[in-house]
Amino acid sequence: GIVERSSRYSAVMVVAVALHVHILETEESLQTLSVKSGKDEEAEDTNLIEVVFDGSIYNKYVGYKDELQKSIDRCIELHCQPEHIVEVAKALRRGKNEQERNLLYRRLLKRKIEIKCYSTSDGSGIGAGIVTATATKASLASKTATSGLGEAADVQVLKAE
């Protein structure tokens, strides 16, 4: 019915964005690892991506939350196997050179993706806070990179409880 169709459309969009986040976070974790140890971490792990929803359909429509999570899990099962993720990373041409790309691809083959959904009643306020914190962090990183004053201050977004 309508709930299944709506949750499937939403799941595809959520998974597509999460997939890009997963690739970028994996690439960033490799840069951190190479700075600390000079080598790739061998252990398999899971990248948990948390998605917060706001709105009456998600929060009040009986069964929608469960159907959406089921649709997301199914989409991951079908389209986010490590081999598929590597193909997406190749299409995005991530990595500065062939060595970095190969390291990223090897790491993506060992790293799984998991998406968990949560609800909030103040999505606009939280979203505005996240955008502000992200922009501030990017601005600080940009200023630090150009001024040579050291590491940028970390900006943390606190979860609303």
N, C-alpha and C. Protein backbone atom coordinates (compact mmCIF):
# COMPACT_ATOMS: atom_id res chain seq x y z
N GLY A 1 0.78 -1.17 0.00
CA GLY A 1 0.00 0.00 0.00
C GLY A 1 0.85 1.27 0.00
N ILE A 2 0.22 2.32 0.42
CA ILE A 2 0.83 3.64 0.41
C ILE A 2 2.03 3.70 1.36
N VAL A 3 1.91 3.08 2.55
CA VAL A 3 3.00 3.13 3.52
C VAL A 3 4.24 2.44 2.96
N GLU A 4 4.06 1.28 2.35
CA GLU A 4 5.20 0.55 1.79
C GLU A 4 5.86 1.35 0.66
N ARG A 5 5.05 1.89 -0.23
CA ARG A 5 5.60 2.65 -1.35
C ARG A 5 6.32 3.91 -0.87
N SER A 6 5.72 4.64 0.04
CA SER A 6 6.35 5.85 0.57
C SER A 6 7.65 5.53 1.29
N SER A 7 7.65 4.47 2.09
CA SER A 7 8.87 4.12 2.83
C SER A 7 9.98 3.67 1.88
N ARG A 8 9.63 3.02 0.80
CA ARG A 8 10.65 2.59 -0.17
C ARG A 8 11.27 3.79 -0.88
N TYR A 9 10.45 4.74 -1.29
CA TYR A 9 11.00 5.95 -1.93
C TYR A 9 11.91 6.70 -0.95
N SER A 10 11.45 6.84 0.28
CA SER A 10 12.26 7.53 1.29
C SER A 10 13.55 6.77 1.57
N ALA A 11 13.46 5.45 1.63
CA ALA A 11 14.64 4.63 1.92
C ALA A 11 15.71 4.80 0.84
N VAL A 12 15.31 4.85 -0.42
CA VAL A 12 16.28 5.01 -1.50
C VAL A 12 17.03 6.33 -1.36
N MET A 13 16.32 7.40 -1.03
CA MET A 13 16.97 8.70 -0.87
C MET A 13 17.90 8.71 0.35
N VAL A 14 17.44 8.14 1.46
CA VAL A 14 18.26 8.09 2.68
C VAL A 14 19.53 7.28 2.43
N VAL A 15 19.39 6.13 1.79
CA VAL A 15 20.55 5.26 1.55
C VAL A 15 21.52 5.92 0.56
N ALA A 16 21.01 6.61 -0.44
CA ALA A 16 21.90 7.28 -1.40
C ALA A 16 22.77 8.33 -0.71
N VAL A 17 22.17 9.14 0.14
CA VAL A 17 22.94 10.15 0.87
C VAL A 17 23.89 9.48 1.85
N ALA A 18 23.41 8.48 2.57
CA ALA A 18 24.24 7.76 3.54
C ALA A 18 25.43 7.09 2.87
N LEU A 19 25.24 6.60 1.67
CA LEU A 19 26.33 5.96 0.94
C LEU A 19 27.46 6.95 0.66
N HIS A 20 27.11 8.15 0.25
CA HIS A 20 28.12 9.18 0.01
C HIS A 20 28.82 9.56 1.32
N VAL A 21 28.05 9.69 2.40
CA VAL A 21 28.63 9.99 3.71
C VAL A 21 29.59 8.88 4.12
N HIS A 22 29.18 7.64 3.90
CA HIS A 22 30.00 6.48 4.25
C HIS A 22 31.35 6.50 3.52
N ILE A 23 31.31 6.79 2.24
CA ILE A 23 32.55 6.84 1.45
C ILE A 23 33.44 7.98 1.94
N LEU A 24 32.87 9.15 2.17
CA LEU A 24 33.67 10.29 2.63
C LEU A 24 34.24 10.05 4.02
N GLU A 25 33.45 9.47 4.92
CA GLU A 25 33.95 9.19 6.27
C GLU A 25 35.05 8.13 6.25
N THR A 26 34.90 7.14 5.38
CA THR A 26 35.94 6.11 5.26
C THR A 26 37.22 6.73 4.73
N GLU A 27 37.10 7.59 3.75
CA GLU A 27 38.27 8.27 3.21
C GLU A 27 38.94 9.14 4.28
N GLU A 28 38.13 9.85 5.05
CA GLU A 28 38.67 10.69 6.13
C GLU A 28 39.34 9.85 7.21
N SER A 29 38.76 8.69 7.54
CA SER A 29 39.36 7.83 8.56
C SER A 29 40.70 7.28 8.08
N LEU A 30 40.84 7.05 6.79
CA LEU A 30 42.12 6.58 6.25
C LEU A 30 43.19 7.66 6.39
N GLN A 31 42.82 8.90 6.15
CA GLN A 31 43.79 10.00 6.28
C GLN A 31 44.24 10.12 7.73
N THR A 32 43.30 9.96 8.67
CA THR A 32 43.65 10.01 10.09
C THR A 32 44.55 8.84 10.45
N LEU A 33 44.22 7.63 9.96
CA LEU A 33 45.04 6.45 10.25
C LEU A 33 46.45 6.60 9.70
N SER A 34 46.55 7.10 8.46
CA SER A 34 47.88 7.21 7.85
C SER A 34 48.74 8.23 8.58
N VAL A 35 48.12 9.28 9.12
CA VAL A 35 48.88 10.26 9.88
C VAL A 35 49.37 9.65 11.19
N LYS A 36 48.49 8.86 11.85
CA LYS A 36 48.85 8.28 13.14
C LYS A 36 49.82 7.11 13.02
N SER A 37 49.53 6.18 12.09
CA SER A 37 50.30 4.94 12.07
C SER A 37 51.04 4.67 10.77
N GLY A 38 50.66 5.36 9.72
CA GLY A 38 51.30 5.14 8.44
C GLY A 38 50.85 3.88 7.73
N LYS A 39 49.77 3.22 8.23
CA LYS A 39 49.28 2.01 7.56
C LYS A 39 47.77 1.91 7.68
N ASP A 40 47.21 1.01 6.90
CA ASP A 40 45.77 0.78 6.89
C ASP A 40 45.38 -0.10 8.06
N GLU A 41 44.24 0.19 8.65
CA GLU A 41 43.72 -0.65 9.72
C GLU A 41 43.09 -1.89 9.07
N GLU A 42 43.43 -3.06 9.56
CA GLU A 42 43.00 -4.31 8.93
C GLU A 42 41.63 -4.79 9.38
N ALA A 43 41.18 -4.41 10.57
CA ALA A 43 39.95 -4.98 11.13
C ALA A 43 38.71 -4.52 10.36
N GLU A 44 37.77 -5.44 10.23
CA GLU A 44 36.48 -5.10 9.63
C GLU A 44 35.66 -4.35 10.66
N ASP A 45 34.93 -3.35 10.24
CA ASP A 45 34.08 -2.64 11.18
C ASP A 45 32.80 -2.18 10.48
N THR A 46 31.94 -1.55 11.25
CA THR A 46 30.67 -1.06 10.72
C THR A 46 30.60 0.44 10.94
N ASN A 47 30.21 1.15 9.90
CA ASN A 47 29.99 2.59 9.99
C ASN A 47 28.50 2.80 10.25
N LEU A 48 28.17 3.21 11.48
CA LEU A 48 26.78 3.47 11.84
C LEU A 48 26.45 4.91 11.48
N ILE A 49 25.47 5.07 10.62
CA ILE A 49 25.00 6.40 10.23
C ILE A 49 23.60 6.56 10.81
N GLU A 50 23.44 7.61 11.61
CA GLU A 50 22.17 7.86 12.26
C GLU A 50 21.42 8.96 11.52
N VAL A 51 20.14 8.69 11.26
CA VAL A 51 19.30 9.62 10.51
C VAL A 51 18.14 10.01 11.42
N VAL A 52 17.89 11.30 11.54
CA VAL A 52 16.81 11.78 12.39
C VAL A 52 15.70 12.33 11.51
N PHE A 53 14.47 11.90 11.79
CA PHE A 53 13.30 12.32 11.03
C PHE A 53 12.40 13.19 11.89
N ASP A 54 11.77 14.15 11.24
CA ASP A 54 10.80 15.01 11.89
C ASP A 54 9.58 15.06 10.98
N GLY A 55 8.43 15.02 11.53
CA GLY A 55 7.22 15.12 10.72
C GLY A 55 6.16 14.16 11.20
N SER A 56 4.93 14.51 10.92
CA SER A 56 3.82 13.73 11.44
C SER A 56 3.70 12.34 10.82
N ILE A 57 4.07 12.18 9.56
CA ILE A 57 3.97 10.84 8.97
C ILE A 57 4.91 9.88 9.69
N TYR A 58 6.17 10.29 9.86
CA TYR A 58 7.13 9.42 10.55
C TYR A 58 6.76 9.24 12.02
N ASN A 59 6.38 10.32 12.68
CA ASN A 59 6.15 10.27 14.12
C ASN A 59 4.78 9.72 14.52
N LYS A 60 3.77 9.85 13.67
CA LYS A 60 2.41 9.50 14.11
C LYS A 60 1.72 8.41 13.29
N TYR A 61 2.13 8.19 12.07
CA TYR A 61 1.46 7.19 11.25
C TYR A 61 1.84 5.80 11.74
N VAL A 62 0.87 5.04 12.17
CA VAL A 62 1.11 3.72 12.78
C VAL A 62 1.83 2.79 11.79
N GLY A 63 2.99 2.29 12.22
CA GLY A 63 3.75 1.33 11.43
C GLY A 63 4.75 1.93 10.47
N TYR A 64 4.73 3.25 10.29
CA TYR A 64 5.62 3.86 9.29
C TYR A 64 7.09 3.75 9.67
N LYS A 65 7.42 3.98 10.94
CA LYS A 65 8.82 3.89 11.38
C LYS A 65 9.39 2.51 11.09
N ASP A 66 8.64 1.48 11.46
CA ASP A 66 9.12 0.10 11.24
C ASP A 66 9.25 -0.21 9.75
N GLU A 67 8.29 0.25 8.96
CA GLU A 67 8.33 -0.01 7.52
C GLU A 67 9.51 0.72 6.87
N LEU A 68 9.78 1.94 7.30
CA LEU A 68 10.91 2.69 6.75
C LEU A 68 12.23 2.01 7.10
N GLN A 69 12.40 1.59 8.36
CA GLN A 69 13.64 0.92 8.76
C GLN A 69 13.81 -0.38 7.98
N LYS A 70 12.71 -1.10 7.78
CA LYS A 70 12.76 -2.35 7.01
C LYS A 70 13.15 -2.07 5.56
N SER A 71 12.62 -1.00 4.99
CA SER A 71 12.96 -0.63 3.61
C SER A 71 14.41 -0.21 3.48
N ILE A 72 14.91 0.53 4.47
CA ILE A 72 16.31 0.95 4.46
C ILE A 72 17.22 -0.28 4.56
N ASP A 73 16.91 -1.17 5.48
CA ASP A 73 17.72 -2.39 5.65
C ASP A 73 17.73 -3.22 4.36
N ARG A 74 16.59 -3.32 3.71
CA ARG A 74 16.51 -4.09 2.46
C ARG A 74 17.31 -3.41 1.34
N CYS A 75 17.25 -2.10 1.28
CA CYS A 75 18.00 -1.36 0.27
C CYS A 75 19.50 -1.55 0.49
N ILE A 76 19.94 -1.52 1.73
CA ILE A 76 21.35 -1.74 2.05
C ILE A 76 21.75 -3.16 1.65
N GLU A 77 20.89 -4.12 1.99
CA GLU A 77 21.17 -5.53 1.66
C GLU A 77 21.34 -5.73 0.15
N LEU A 78 20.50 -5.08 -0.63
CA LEU A 78 20.54 -5.25 -2.08
C LEU A 78 21.61 -4.42 -2.79
N HIS A 79 21.86 -3.20 -2.30
CA HIS A 79 22.68 -2.27 -3.08
C HIS A 79 23.91 -1.72 -2.37
N CYS A 80 24.13 -2.10 -1.12
CA CYS A 80 25.27 -1.54 -0.39
C CYS A 80 26.22 -2.61 0.10
N GLN A 81 26.35 -3.65 -0.66
CA GLN A 81 27.40 -4.62 -0.35
C GLN A 81 28.72 -3.93 -0.65
N PRO A 82 29.78 -4.31 0.06
CA PRO A 82 31.07 -3.62 -0.13
C PRO A 82 31.50 -3.48 -1.59
N GLU A 83 31.25 -4.51 -2.40
CA GLU A 83 31.65 -4.45 -3.82
C GLU A 83 30.90 -3.33 -4.55
N HIS A 84 29.62 -3.14 -4.21
CA HIS A 84 28.83 -2.07 -4.83
C HIS A 84 29.33 -0.70 -4.40
N ILE A 85 29.68 -0.60 -3.12
CA ILE A 85 30.16 0.68 -2.59
C ILE A 85 31.47 1.08 -3.26
N VAL A 86 32.34 0.11 -3.49
CA VAL A 86 33.60 0.39 -4.18
C VAL A 86 33.33 0.92 -5.59
N GLU A 87 32.36 0.36 -6.26
CA GLU A 87 32.02 0.84 -7.61
C GLU A 87 31.53 2.29 -7.57
N VAL A 88 30.75 2.64 -6.56
CA VAL A 88 30.30 4.03 -6.41
C VAL A 88 31.50 4.94 -6.15
N ALA A 89 32.39 4.50 -5.26
CA ALA A 89 33.60 5.30 -4.96
C ALA A 89 34.44 5.49 -6.22
N LYS A 90 34.54 4.46 -7.04
CA LYS A 90 35.30 4.58 -8.29
C LYS A 90 34.63 5.60 -9.21
N ALA A 91 33.31 5.55 -9.28
CA ALA A 91 32.58 6.50 -10.14
C ALA A 91 32.75 7.93 -9.64
N LEU A 92 32.86 8.10 -8.32
CA LEU A 92 33.05 9.44 -7.75
C LEU A 92 34.50 9.92 -7.84
N ARG A 93 35.39 9.00 -8.24
CA ARG A 93 36.82 9.30 -8.38
C ARG A 93 37.41 9.89 -7.10
N ARG A 94 37.11 9.22 -5.96
CA ARG A 94 37.65 9.65 -4.68
C ARG A 94 39.11 9.28 -4.58
N GLY A 95 39.90 10.04 -3.87
CA GLY A 95 41.33 9.77 -3.70
C GLY A 95 42.14 10.63 -4.65
N LYS A 96 43.30 11.09 -4.18
CA LYS A 96 44.12 12.00 -4.97
C LYS A 96 44.95 11.29 -6.03
N ASN A 97 45.33 10.05 -5.75
CA ASN A 97 46.17 9.32 -6.69
C ASN A 97 45.79 7.84 -6.64
N GLU A 98 46.41 7.04 -7.48
CA GLU A 98 46.04 5.63 -7.58
C GLU A 98 46.27 4.88 -6.27
N GLN A 99 47.35 5.21 -5.58
CA GLN A 99 47.65 4.54 -4.31
C GLN A 99 46.56 4.84 -3.27
N GLU A 100 46.15 6.09 -3.14
CA GLU A 100 45.09 6.46 -2.21
C GLU A 100 43.77 5.82 -2.59
N ARG A 101 43.47 5.78 -3.89
CA ARG A 101 42.22 5.16 -4.32
C ARG A 101 42.22 3.67 -3.98
N ASN A 102 43.31 2.98 -4.24
CA ASN A 102 43.37 1.55 -3.94
C ASN A 102 43.24 1.28 -2.44
N LEU A 103 43.84 2.12 -1.62
CA LEU A 103 43.73 2.00 -0.17
C LEU A 103 42.28 2.21 0.26
N LEU A 104 41.62 3.21 -0.31
CA LEU A 104 40.21 3.47 -0.01
C LEU A 104 39.35 2.28 -0.41
N TYR A 105 39.57 1.73 -1.60
CA TYR A 105 38.77 0.61 -2.07
C TYR A 105 38.95 -0.60 -1.16
N ARG A 106 40.20 -0.88 -0.74
CA ARG A 106 40.45 -2.01 0.16
C ARG A 106 39.72 -1.81 1.49
N ARG A 107 39.75 -0.58 1.98
CA ARG A 107 39.09 -0.29 3.26
C ARG A 107 37.57 -0.40 3.13
N LEU A 108 37.02 0.09 2.02
CA LEU A 108 35.57 0.00 1.82
C LEU A 108 35.11 -1.46 1.73
N LEU A 109 35.97 -2.33 1.21
CA LEU A 109 35.61 -3.75 1.12
C LEU A 109 35.49 -4.39 2.50
N LYS A 110 36.14 -3.80 3.51
CA LYS A 110 36.12 -4.36 4.87
C LYS A 110 35.13 -3.67 5.78
N ARG A 111 34.53 -2.59 5.31
CA ARG A 111 33.69 -1.76 6.18
C ARG A 111 32.23 -1.86 5.76
N LYS A 112 31.38 -2.19 6.68
CA LYS A 112 29.94 -2.31 6.41
C LYS A 112 29.26 -1.00 6.76
N ILE A 113 28.06 -0.84 6.20
CA ILE A 113 27.28 0.36 6.48
C ILE A 113 26.00 -0.06 7.19
N GLU A 114 25.61 0.71 8.19
CA GLU A 114 24.37 0.46 8.92
C GLU A 114 23.70 1.81 9.15
N ILE A 115 22.39 1.85 8.97
CA ILE A 115 21.64 3.08 9.14
C ILE A 115 20.56 2.85 10.19
N LYS A 116 20.53 3.72 11.18
CA LYS A 116 19.50 3.67 12.22
C LYS A 116 18.70 4.96 12.17
N CYS A 117 17.39 4.82 12.30
CA CYS A 117 16.49 5.97 12.23
C CYS A 117 15.97 6.35 13.62
N TYR A 118 15.86 7.63 13.83
CA TYR A 118 15.33 8.17 15.08
C TYR A 118 14.36 9.29 14.75
N SER A 119 13.52 9.64 15.72
CA SER A 119 12.59 10.74 15.49
C SER A 119 12.91 11.90 16.42
N THR A 120 12.47 13.07 16.00
CA THR A 120 12.61 14.27 16.81
C THR A 120 11.37 15.12 16.60
N SER A 121 11.13 15.98 17.55
CA SER A 121 9.99 16.89 17.39
C SER A 121 10.46 18.30 17.02
N ASP A 122 11.77 18.50 17.01
CA ASP A 122 12.32 19.83 16.69
C ASP A 122 13.36 19.71 15.58
N GLY A 123 12.96 19.13 14.47
CA GLY A 123 13.90 18.90 13.37
C GLY A 123 14.48 20.18 12.80
N SER A 124 13.70 21.22 12.72
CA SER A 124 14.19 22.48 12.15
C SER A 124 15.29 23.08 13.01
N GLY A 125 15.09 23.09 14.31
CA GLY A 125 16.10 23.65 15.21
C GLY A 125 17.37 22.83 15.22
N ILE A 126 17.24 21.52 15.26
CA ILE A 126 18.41 20.65 15.25
C ILE A 126 19.15 20.77 13.92
N GLY A 127 18.40 20.78 12.84
CA GLY A 127 19.02 20.91 11.50
C GLY A 127 19.78 22.21 11.36
N ALA A 128 19.20 23.28 11.85
CA ALA A 128 19.88 24.58 11.79
C ALA A 128 21.16 24.55 12.62
N GLY A 129 21.12 23.89 13.77
CA GLY A 129 22.31 23.78 14.62
C GLY A 129 23.41 22.98 13.95
N ILE A 130 23.04 21.90 13.29
CA ILE A 130 24.02 21.06 12.59
C ILE A 130 24.66 21.83 11.44
N VAL A 131 23.83 22.52 10.65
CA VAL A 131 24.36 23.29 9.52
C VAL A 131 25.30 24.37 10.02
N THR A 132 24.92 25.06 11.09
CA THR A 132 25.77 26.12 11.64
C THR A 132 27.09 25.55 12.14
N ALA A 133 27.03 24.44 12.88
CA ALA A 133 28.25 23.83 13.41
C ALA A 133 29.16 23.34 12.28
N THR A 134 28.58 22.74 11.26
CA THR A 134 29.37 22.25 10.13
C THR A 134 30.03 23.41 9.39
N ALA A 135 29.27 24.47 9.15
CA ALA A 135 29.83 25.63 8.45
C ALA A 135 30.93 26.29 9.28
N THR A 136 30.73 26.36 10.59
CA THR A 136 31.74 26.95 11.47
C THR A 136 33.01 26.11 11.46
N LYS A 137 32.86 24.81 11.55
CA LYS A 137 34.02 23.92 11.54
C LYS A 137 34.77 24.04 10.21
N ALA A 138 34.04 24.07 9.10
CA ALA A 138 34.68 24.21 7.79
C ALA A 138 35.39 25.55 7.67
N SER A 139 34.78 26.59 8.18
CA SER A 139 35.38 27.92 8.14
C SER A 139 36.66 27.97 8.97
N LEU A 140 36.62 27.38 10.16
CA LEU A 140 37.81 27.34 11.02
C LEU A 140 38.93 26.53 10.37
N ALA A 141 38.56 25.40 9.75
CA ALA A 141 39.56 24.56 9.09
C ALA A 141 40.19 25.31 7.92
N SER A 142 39.37 26.06 7.18
CA SER A 142 39.87 26.83 6.04
C SER A 142 40.82 27.93 6.50
N LYS A 143 40.45 28.64 7.56
CA LYS A 143 41.31 29.71 8.08
C LYS A 143 42.62 29.14 8.61
N THR A 144 42.53 27.99 9.28
CA THR A 144 43.74 27.36 9.83
C THR A 144 44.66 26.91 8.71
N ALA A 145 44.08 26.34 7.66
CA ALA A 145 44.90 25.85 6.55
C ALA A 145 45.63 27.00 5.86
N THR A 146 44.98 28.15 5.78
CA THR A 146 45.61 29.26 5.07
C THR A 146 46.50 30.11 5.96
N SER A 147 46.26 30.07 7.28
CA SER A 147 47.05 30.94 8.16
C SER A 147 48.21 30.23 8.83
N GLY A 148 48.18 28.89 8.87
CA GLY A 148 49.25 28.14 9.50
C GLY A 148 49.29 28.30 11.01
N LEU A 149 48.13 28.54 11.63
CA LEU A 149 48.10 28.75 13.08
C LEU A 149 47.88 27.46 13.87
N GLY A 150 47.85 26.32 13.23
CA GLY A 150 47.64 25.07 13.96
C GLY A 150 46.28 24.48 13.66
N GLU A 151 45.86 23.55 14.49
CA GLU A 151 44.62 22.83 14.26
C GLU A 151 43.41 23.70 14.57
N ALA A 152 42.36 23.49 13.80
CA ALA A 152 41.11 24.22 14.04
C ALA A 152 40.43 23.65 15.27
N ALA A 153 39.71 24.50 15.95
CA ALA A 153 38.97 24.04 17.13
C ALA A 153 37.85 23.12 16.68
N ASP A 154 37.60 22.09 17.46
CA ASP A 154 36.51 21.17 17.15
C ASP A 154 35.19 21.81 17.54
N VAL A 155 34.23 21.68 16.66
CA VAL A 155 32.89 22.14 16.96
C VAL A 155 32.04 20.90 17.09
N GLN A 156 31.42 20.73 18.21
CA GLN A 156 30.65 19.52 18.44
C GLN A 156 29.18 19.85 18.47
N VAL A 157 28.39 18.96 17.90
CA VAL A 157 26.95 19.10 17.94
C VAL A 157 26.45 18.13 18.98
N LEU A 158 25.77 18.64 19.97
CA LEU A 158 25.26 17.79 21.04
C LEU A 158 23.90 17.25 20.63
N LYS A 159 23.69 15.98 20.88
CA LYS A 159 22.40 15.37 20.59
C LYS A 159 21.37 15.84 21.61
N ALA A 160 20.20 16.16 21.13
CA ALA A 160 19.11 16.50 22.04
C ALA A 160 18.57 15.22 22.63
N GLU A 161 18.38 15.21 23.90
CA GLU A 161 17.88 13.99 24.56
C GLU A 161 16.41 14.11 24.87
